[in-house]
Amino acid sequence: MPLANRTARAILQKKDGIALFDSGLVAERPSDTRILRSALQSAVRNPERGEAEQSPFPLQRRFSANALIVRVMPGPGLDCCEWNGQRTALLKLYDHDPDLAMDEKGLVAIYGLTRGEASLAVKLVQGKSIEAAADELCISPHTARTHLKRIFMKTDTHRQPELVLRILMLVL
């Protein structure tokens, strides 16, 4: 398997939208596979051009209503974009499914959140509103807002989008 983070490996192993076979990366639809391979070739052959012209593009999936969003760019830096003598490309997959696996224990360990704060943070990252998250966690909206203020302090963030981005960077 090519170098991939944990989330990318999970997406590839699910074989939902994109999969890795002996023949290379294959998308759900043949037309998507052609776009994917063209973008990868462009990034490898012409790294000076930056992100592939086709990028970003959606990959349709069989088991999810949400498409995977794919970005293709040359491997890191023009000076060092070779690996074992070959140029590389970087493939970024964005999965907009709300079932994003989050490690609450990791948030507790990294940021010093309480279990309740970590649970709320996960709900917010999954796209829930503060009210919906509070309802799912069986706490009052007031308590949820208090948790959110403490989460902001502990993560050195000031707004929900900033918080979500910071937490997603741990996962992706």
C-alpha atoms as a PDB file:
ATOM      1  CA  MET A   1       0.000   0.000   0.000  1.00  0.00           C
ATOM      2  CA  PRO A   2       1.284   3.482  -0.735  1.00  0.00           C
ATOM      3  CA  LEU A   3       2.075   5.778   2.157  1.00  0.00           C
ATOM      4  CA  ALA A   4      -1.276   6.684   3.694  1.00  0.00           C
ATOM      5  CA  ASN A   5      -2.553   7.953   7.000  1.00  0.00           C
ATOM      6  CA  ARG A   6      -5.000   5.929   9.087  1.00  0.00           C
ATOM      7  CA  THR A   7      -8.084   7.638   7.655  1.00  0.00           C
ATOM      8  CA  ALA A   8      -6.968   7.120   4.061  1.00  0.00           C
ATOM      9  CA  ARG A   9      -6.245   3.440   4.725  1.00  0.00           C
ATOM     10  CA  ALA A  10      -9.744   3.017   6.192  1.00  0.00           C
ATOM     11  CA  ILE A  11     -11.333   4.651   3.135  1.00  0.00           C
ATOM     12  CA  LEU A  12      -9.308   2.448   0.760  1.00  0.00           C
ATOM     13  CA  GLN A  13     -10.140  -0.714   2.725  1.00  0.00           C
ATOM     14  CA  LYS A  14     -13.877   0.038   2.636  1.00  0.00           C
ATOM     15  CA  LYS A  15     -13.669   0.065  -1.187  1.00  0.00           C
ATOM     16  CA  ASP A  16     -16.485   2.573  -1.305  1.00  0.00           C
ATOM     17  CA  GLY A  17     -15.739   5.143  -3.997  1.00  0.00           C
ATOM     18  CA  ILE A  18     -12.050   4.309  -4.300  1.00  0.00           C
ATOM     19  CA  ALA A  19      -9.969   1.194  -3.787  1.00  0.00           C
ATOM     20  CA  LEU A  20      -6.400   0.056  -4.264  1.00  0.00           C
ATOM     21  CA  PHE A  21      -5.837  -3.023  -6.411  1.00  0.00           C
ATOM     22  CA  ASP A  22      -2.720  -4.503  -8.038  1.00  0.00           C
ATOM     23  CA  SER A  23      -3.597  -2.432 -11.105  1.00  0.00           C
ATOM     24  CA  GLY A  24      -3.571   0.767  -9.015  1.00  0.00           C
ATOM     25  CA  LEU A  25      -6.227   3.087  -7.664  1.00  0.00           C
ATOM     26  CA  VAL A  26      -9.709   2.366  -8.996  1.00  0.00           C
ATOM     27  CA  ALA A  27     -12.825   4.477  -8.520  1.00  0.00           C
ATOM     28  CA  GLU A  28     -16.397   3.199  -8.302  1.00  0.00           C
ATOM     29  CA  ARG A  29     -17.201   4.305 -11.861  1.00  0.00           C
ATOM     30  CA  PRO A  30     -14.872   3.813 -14.858  1.00  0.00           C
ATOM     31  CA  SER A  31     -15.246   7.488 -15.812  1.00  0.00           C
ATOM     32  CA  ASP A  32     -14.097   8.498 -12.309  1.00  0.00           C
ATOM     33  CA  THR A  33     -11.130   6.118 -12.580  1.00  0.00           C
ATOM     34  CA  ARG A  34     -10.078   7.831 -15.826  1.00  0.00           C
ATOM     35  CA  ILE A  35     -10.262  11.288 -14.183  1.00  0.00           C
ATOM     36  CA  LEU A  36      -8.364  10.051 -11.121  1.00  0.00           C
ATOM     37  CA  ARG A  37      -5.572   8.471 -13.145  1.00  0.00           C
ATOM     38  CA  SER A  38      -5.319  11.486 -15.451  1.00  0.00           C
ATOM     39  CA  ALA A  39      -4.986  13.813 -12.463  1.00  0.00           C
ATOM     40  CA  LEU A  40      -2.318  11.586 -10.884  1.00  0.00           C
ATOM     41  CA  GLN A  41      -0.339  11.442 -14.138  1.00  0.00           C
ATOM     42  CA  SER A  42      -0.544  15.207 -14.504  1.00  0.00           C
ATOM     43  CA  ALA A  43       0.750  15.762 -10.965  1.00  0.00           C
ATOM     44  CA  VAL A  44       3.632  13.313 -11.467  1.00  0.00           C
ATOM     45  CA  ARG A  45       4.649  14.412 -14.971  1.00  0.00           C
ATOM     46  CA  ASN A  46       4.286  18.170 -14.475  1.00  0.00           C
ATOM     47  CA  PRO A  47       4.897  18.953 -10.788  1.00  0.00           C
ATOM     48  CA  GLU A  48       5.787  22.565 -11.615  1.00  0.00           C
ATOM     49  CA  ARG A  49       2.122  23.173 -12.534  1.00  0.00           C
ATOM     50  CA  GLY A  50       0.970  22.431  -8.983  1.00  0.00           C
ATOM     51  CA  GLU A  51      -2.445  20.933  -8.329  1.00  0.00           C
ATOM     52  CA  ALA A  52      -3.814  18.884 -11.217  1.00  0.00           C
ATOM     53  CA  GLU A  53      -6.176  20.731 -13.556  1.00  0.00           C
ATOM     54  CA  GLN A  54      -8.988  18.226 -12.892  1.00  0.00           C
ATOM     55  CA  SER A  55      -8.678  18.705  -9.140  1.00  0.00           C
ATOM     56  CA  PRO A  56     -10.773  18.859  -6.988  1.00  0.00           C
ATOM     57  CA  PHE A  57     -13.378  16.373  -8.223  1.00  0.00           C
ATOM     58  CA  PRO A  58     -16.032  14.103  -6.655  1.00  0.00           C
ATOM     59  CA  LEU A  59     -15.911  10.314  -6.598  1.00  0.00           C
ATOM     60  CA  GLN A  60     -19.350   8.728  -6.412  1.00  0.00           C
ATOM     61  CA  ARG A  61     -19.844   5.977  -3.860  1.00  0.00           C
ATOM     62  CA  ARG A  62     -22.012   2.893  -3.641  1.00  0.00           C
ATOM     63  CA  PHE A  63     -22.627   2.855   0.124  1.00  0.00           C
ATOM     64  CA  SER A  64     -22.879   6.566   0.911  1.00  0.00           C
ATOM     65  CA  ALA A  65     -25.014   9.442  -0.299  1.00  0.00           C
ATOM     66  CA  ASN A  66     -22.000  11.748  -0.079  1.00  0.00           C
ATOM     67  CA  ALA A  67     -19.278  11.661  -2.714  1.00  0.00           C
ATOM     68  CA  LEU A  68     -15.622  11.607  -1.736  1.00  0.00           C
ATOM     69  CA  ILE A  69     -13.918  14.852  -2.703  1.00  0.00           C
ATOM     70  CA  VAL A  70     -10.469  14.283  -4.208  1.00  0.00           C
ATOM     71  CA  ARG A  71      -7.576  16.700  -4.644  1.00  0.00           C
ATOM     72  CA  VAL A  72      -4.423  15.677  -6.492  1.00  0.00           C
ATOM     73  CA  MET A  73      -1.122  17.538  -6.333  1.00  0.00           C
ATOM     74  CA  PRO A  74       2.568  16.825  -6.802  1.00  0.00           C
ATOM     75  CA  GLY A  75       4.446  15.169  -3.963  1.00  0.00           C
ATOM     76  CA  PRO A  76       5.938  17.511  -1.354  1.00  0.00           C
ATOM     77  CA  GLY A  77       8.216  20.187  -2.807  1.00  0.00           C
ATOM     78  CA  LEU A  78       9.695  20.110  -6.299  1.00  0.00           C
ATOM     79  CA  ASP A  79      13.132  19.402  -4.815  1.00  0.00           C
ATOM     80  CA  CYS A  80      12.064  16.316  -2.931  1.00  0.00           C
ATOM     81  CA  CYS A  81       9.175  14.855  -4.897  1.00  0.00           C
ATOM     82  CA  GLU A  82      10.957  11.595  -5.613  1.00  0.00           C
ATOM     83  CA  TRP A  83      10.559   8.428  -3.630  1.00  0.00           C
ATOM     84  CA  ASN A  84      12.717   5.427  -4.511  1.00  0.00           C
ATOM     85  CA  GLY A  85      13.772   7.256  -7.661  1.00  0.00           C
ATOM     86  CA  GLN A  86      10.207   7.984  -8.780  1.00  0.00           C
ATOM     87  CA  ARG A  87       8.200  11.181  -8.622  1.00  0.00           C
ATOM     88  CA  THR A  88       5.206  11.127  -6.342  1.00  0.00           C
ATOM     89  CA  ALA A  89       1.748  12.617  -6.180  1.00  0.00           C
ATOM     90  CA  LEU A  90      -0.285  13.516  -3.121  1.00  0.00           C
ATOM     91  CA  LEU A  91      -3.897  12.417  -3.098  1.00  0.00           C
ATOM     92  CA  LYS A  92      -6.154  14.061  -0.521  1.00  0.00           C
ATOM     93  CA  LEU A  93      -9.523  12.460   0.158  1.00  0.00           C
ATOM     94  CA  TYR A  94     -12.288  14.349   1.922  1.00  0.00           C
ATOM     95  CA  ASP A  95     -15.055  12.181   3.341  1.00  0.00           C
ATOM     96  CA  HIS A  96     -18.102  14.209   4.298  1.00  0.00           C
ATOM     97  CA  ASP A  97     -19.875  11.331   6.007  1.00  0.00           C
ATOM     98  CA  PRO A  98     -21.078  12.253   9.490  1.00  0.00           C
ATOM     99  CA  ASP A  99     -19.787   8.897  10.758  1.00  0.00           C
ATOM    100  CA  LEU A 100     -16.237  10.214  10.925  1.00  0.00           C
ATOM    101  CA  ALA A 101     -14.420   8.134  13.521  1.00  0.00           C
ATOM    102  CA  MET A 102     -13.272  10.389  16.341  1.00  0.00           C
ATOM    103  CA  ASP A 103     -11.194   9.362  19.326  1.00  0.00           C
ATOM    104  CA  GLU A 104     -12.658  11.074  22.403  1.00  0.00           C
ATOM    105  CA  LYS A 105      -9.860   9.647  24.562  1.00  0.00           C
ATOM    106  CA  GLY A 106      -7.354  11.314  22.261  1.00  0.00           C
ATOM    107  CA  LEU A 107      -9.063  14.688  22.732  1.00  0.00           C
ATOM    108  CA  VAL A 108      -8.959  14.177  26.497  1.00  0.00           C
ATOM    109  CA  ALA A 109      -5.251  13.311  26.389  1.00  0.00           C
ATOM    110  CA  ILE A 110      -4.166  15.977  23.907  1.00  0.00           C
ATOM    111  CA  TYR A 111      -6.229  18.955  25.061  1.00  0.00           C
ATOM    112  CA  GLY A 112      -7.141  18.002  28.623  1.00  0.00           C
ATOM    113  CA  LEU A 113     -10.860  17.982  27.849  1.00  0.00           C
ATOM    114  CA  THR A 114     -13.265  16.249  30.177  1.00  0.00           C
ATOM    115  CA  ARG A 115     -15.188  13.269  28.762  1.00  0.00           C
ATOM    116  CA  GLY A 116     -18.284  15.472  28.457  1.00  0.00           C
ATOM    117  CA  GLU A 117     -16.366  18.198  26.632  1.00  0.00           C
ATOM    118  CA  ALA A 118     -14.790  15.641  24.303  1.00  0.00           C
ATOM    119  CA  SER A 119     -18.219  14.146  23.527  1.00  0.00           C
ATOM    120  CA  LEU A 120     -19.563  17.588  22.653  1.00  0.00           C
ATOM    121  CA  ALA A 121     -16.519  18.374  20.495  1.00  0.00           C
ATOM    122  CA  VAL A 122     -17.048  15.155  18.525  1.00  0.00           C
ATOM    123  CA  LYS A 123     -20.716  16.014  17.891  1.00  0.00           C
ATOM    124  CA  LEU A 124     -19.715  19.474  16.640  1.00  0.00           C
ATOM    125  CA  VAL A 125     -17.082  17.993  14.315  1.00  0.00           C
ATOM    126  CA  GLN A 126     -19.783  15.669  12.955  1.00  0.00           C
ATOM    127  CA  GLY A 127     -21.747  18.766  11.926  1.00  0.00           C
ATOM    128  CA  LYS A 128     -24.297  18.894  14.724  1.00  0.00           C
ATOM    129  CA  SER A 129     -25.549  22.230  16.011  1.00  0.00           C
ATOM    130  CA  ILE A 130     -24.915  23.027  19.667  1.00  0.00           C
ATOM    131  CA  GLU A 131     -28.624  22.406  20.379  1.00  0.00           C
ATOM    132  CA  ALA A 132     -28.732  19.060  18.524  1.00  0.00           C
ATOM    133  CA  ALA A 133     -25.495  17.943  20.202  1.00  0.00           C
ATOM    134  CA  ALA A 134     -26.877  18.881  23.617  1.00  0.00           C
ATOM    135  CA  ASP A 135     -30.053  16.926  22.905  1.00  0.00           C
ATOM    136  CA  GLU A 136     -28.101  13.820  21.817  1.00  0.00           C
ATOM    137  CA  LEU A 137     -25.860  14.055  24.887  1.00  0.00           C
ATOM    138  CA  CYS A 138     -28.858  14.580  27.214  1.00  0.00           C
ATOM    139  CA  ILE A 139     -27.540  17.881  28.549  1.00  0.00           C
ATOM    140  CA  SER A 140     -29.085  21.323  28.485  1.00  0.00           C
ATOM    141  CA  PRO A 141     -28.078  23.822  25.782  1.00  0.00           C
ATOM    142  CA  HIS A 142     -26.748  26.031  28.591  1.00  0.00           C
ATOM    143  CA  THR A 143     -24.440  23.233  29.778  1.00  0.00           C
ATOM    144  CA  ALA A 144     -23.348  22.607  26.183  1.00  0.00           C
ATOM    145  CA  ARG A 145     -22.454  26.291  25.744  1.00  0.00           C
ATOM    146  CA  THR A 146     -20.482  26.189  29.017  1.00  0.00           C
ATOM    147  CA  HIS A 147     -18.622  23.094  27.773  1.00  0.00           C
ATOM    148  CA  LEU A 148     -17.951  24.866  24.473  1.00  0.00           C
ATOM    149  CA  LYS A 149     -16.409  27.880  26.246  1.00  0.00           C
ATOM    150  CA  ARG A 150     -14.081  25.534  28.155  1.00  0.00           C
ATOM    151  CA  ILE A 151     -13.238  23.633  24.960  1.00  0.00           C
ATOM    152  CA  PHE A 152     -12.295  26.931  23.283  1.00  0.00           C
ATOM    153  CA  MET A 153      -9.978  27.783  26.177  1.00  0.00           C
ATOM    154  CA  LYS A 154      -8.316  24.369  26.251  1.00  0.00           C
ATOM    155  CA  THR A 155      -7.829  24.154  22.471  1.00  0.00           C
ATOM    156  CA  ASP A 156      -6.841  27.821  22.068  1.00  0.00           C
ATOM    157  CA  THR A 157      -9.659  28.419  19.590  1.00  0.00           C
ATOM    158  CA  HIS A 158     -12.321  31.118  19.512  1.00  0.00           C
ATOM    159  CA  ARG A 159     -15.036  29.959  17.113  1.00  0.00           C
ATOM    160  CA  GLN A 160     -16.662  26.639  16.213  1.00  0.00           C
ATOM    161  CA  PRO A 161     -15.247  26.451  12.657  1.00  0.00           C
ATOM    162  CA  GLU A 162     -11.746  27.005  14.033  1.00  0.00           C
ATOM    163  CA  LEU A 163     -12.319  24.289  16.648  1.00  0.00           C
ATOM    164  CA  VAL A 164     -13.659  21.833  14.066  1.00  0.00           C
ATOM    165  CA  LEU A 165     -10.687  22.463  11.786  1.00  0.00           C
ATOM    166  CA  ARG A 166      -8.197  21.961  14.622  1.00  0.00           C
ATOM    167  CA  ILE A 167      -9.783  18.651  15.633  1.00  0.00           C
ATOM    168  CA  LEU A 168     -10.130  17.436  12.043  1.00  0.00           C
ATOM    169  CA  MET A 169      -6.419  18.033  11.507  1.00  0.00           C
ATOM    170  CA  LEU A 170      -5.771  15.410  14.197  1.00  0.00           C
ATOM    171  CA  VAL A 171      -7.955  12.889  12.425  1.00  0.00           C
ATOM    172  CA  LEU A 172      -7.056  13.478   8.783  1.00  0.00           C
END
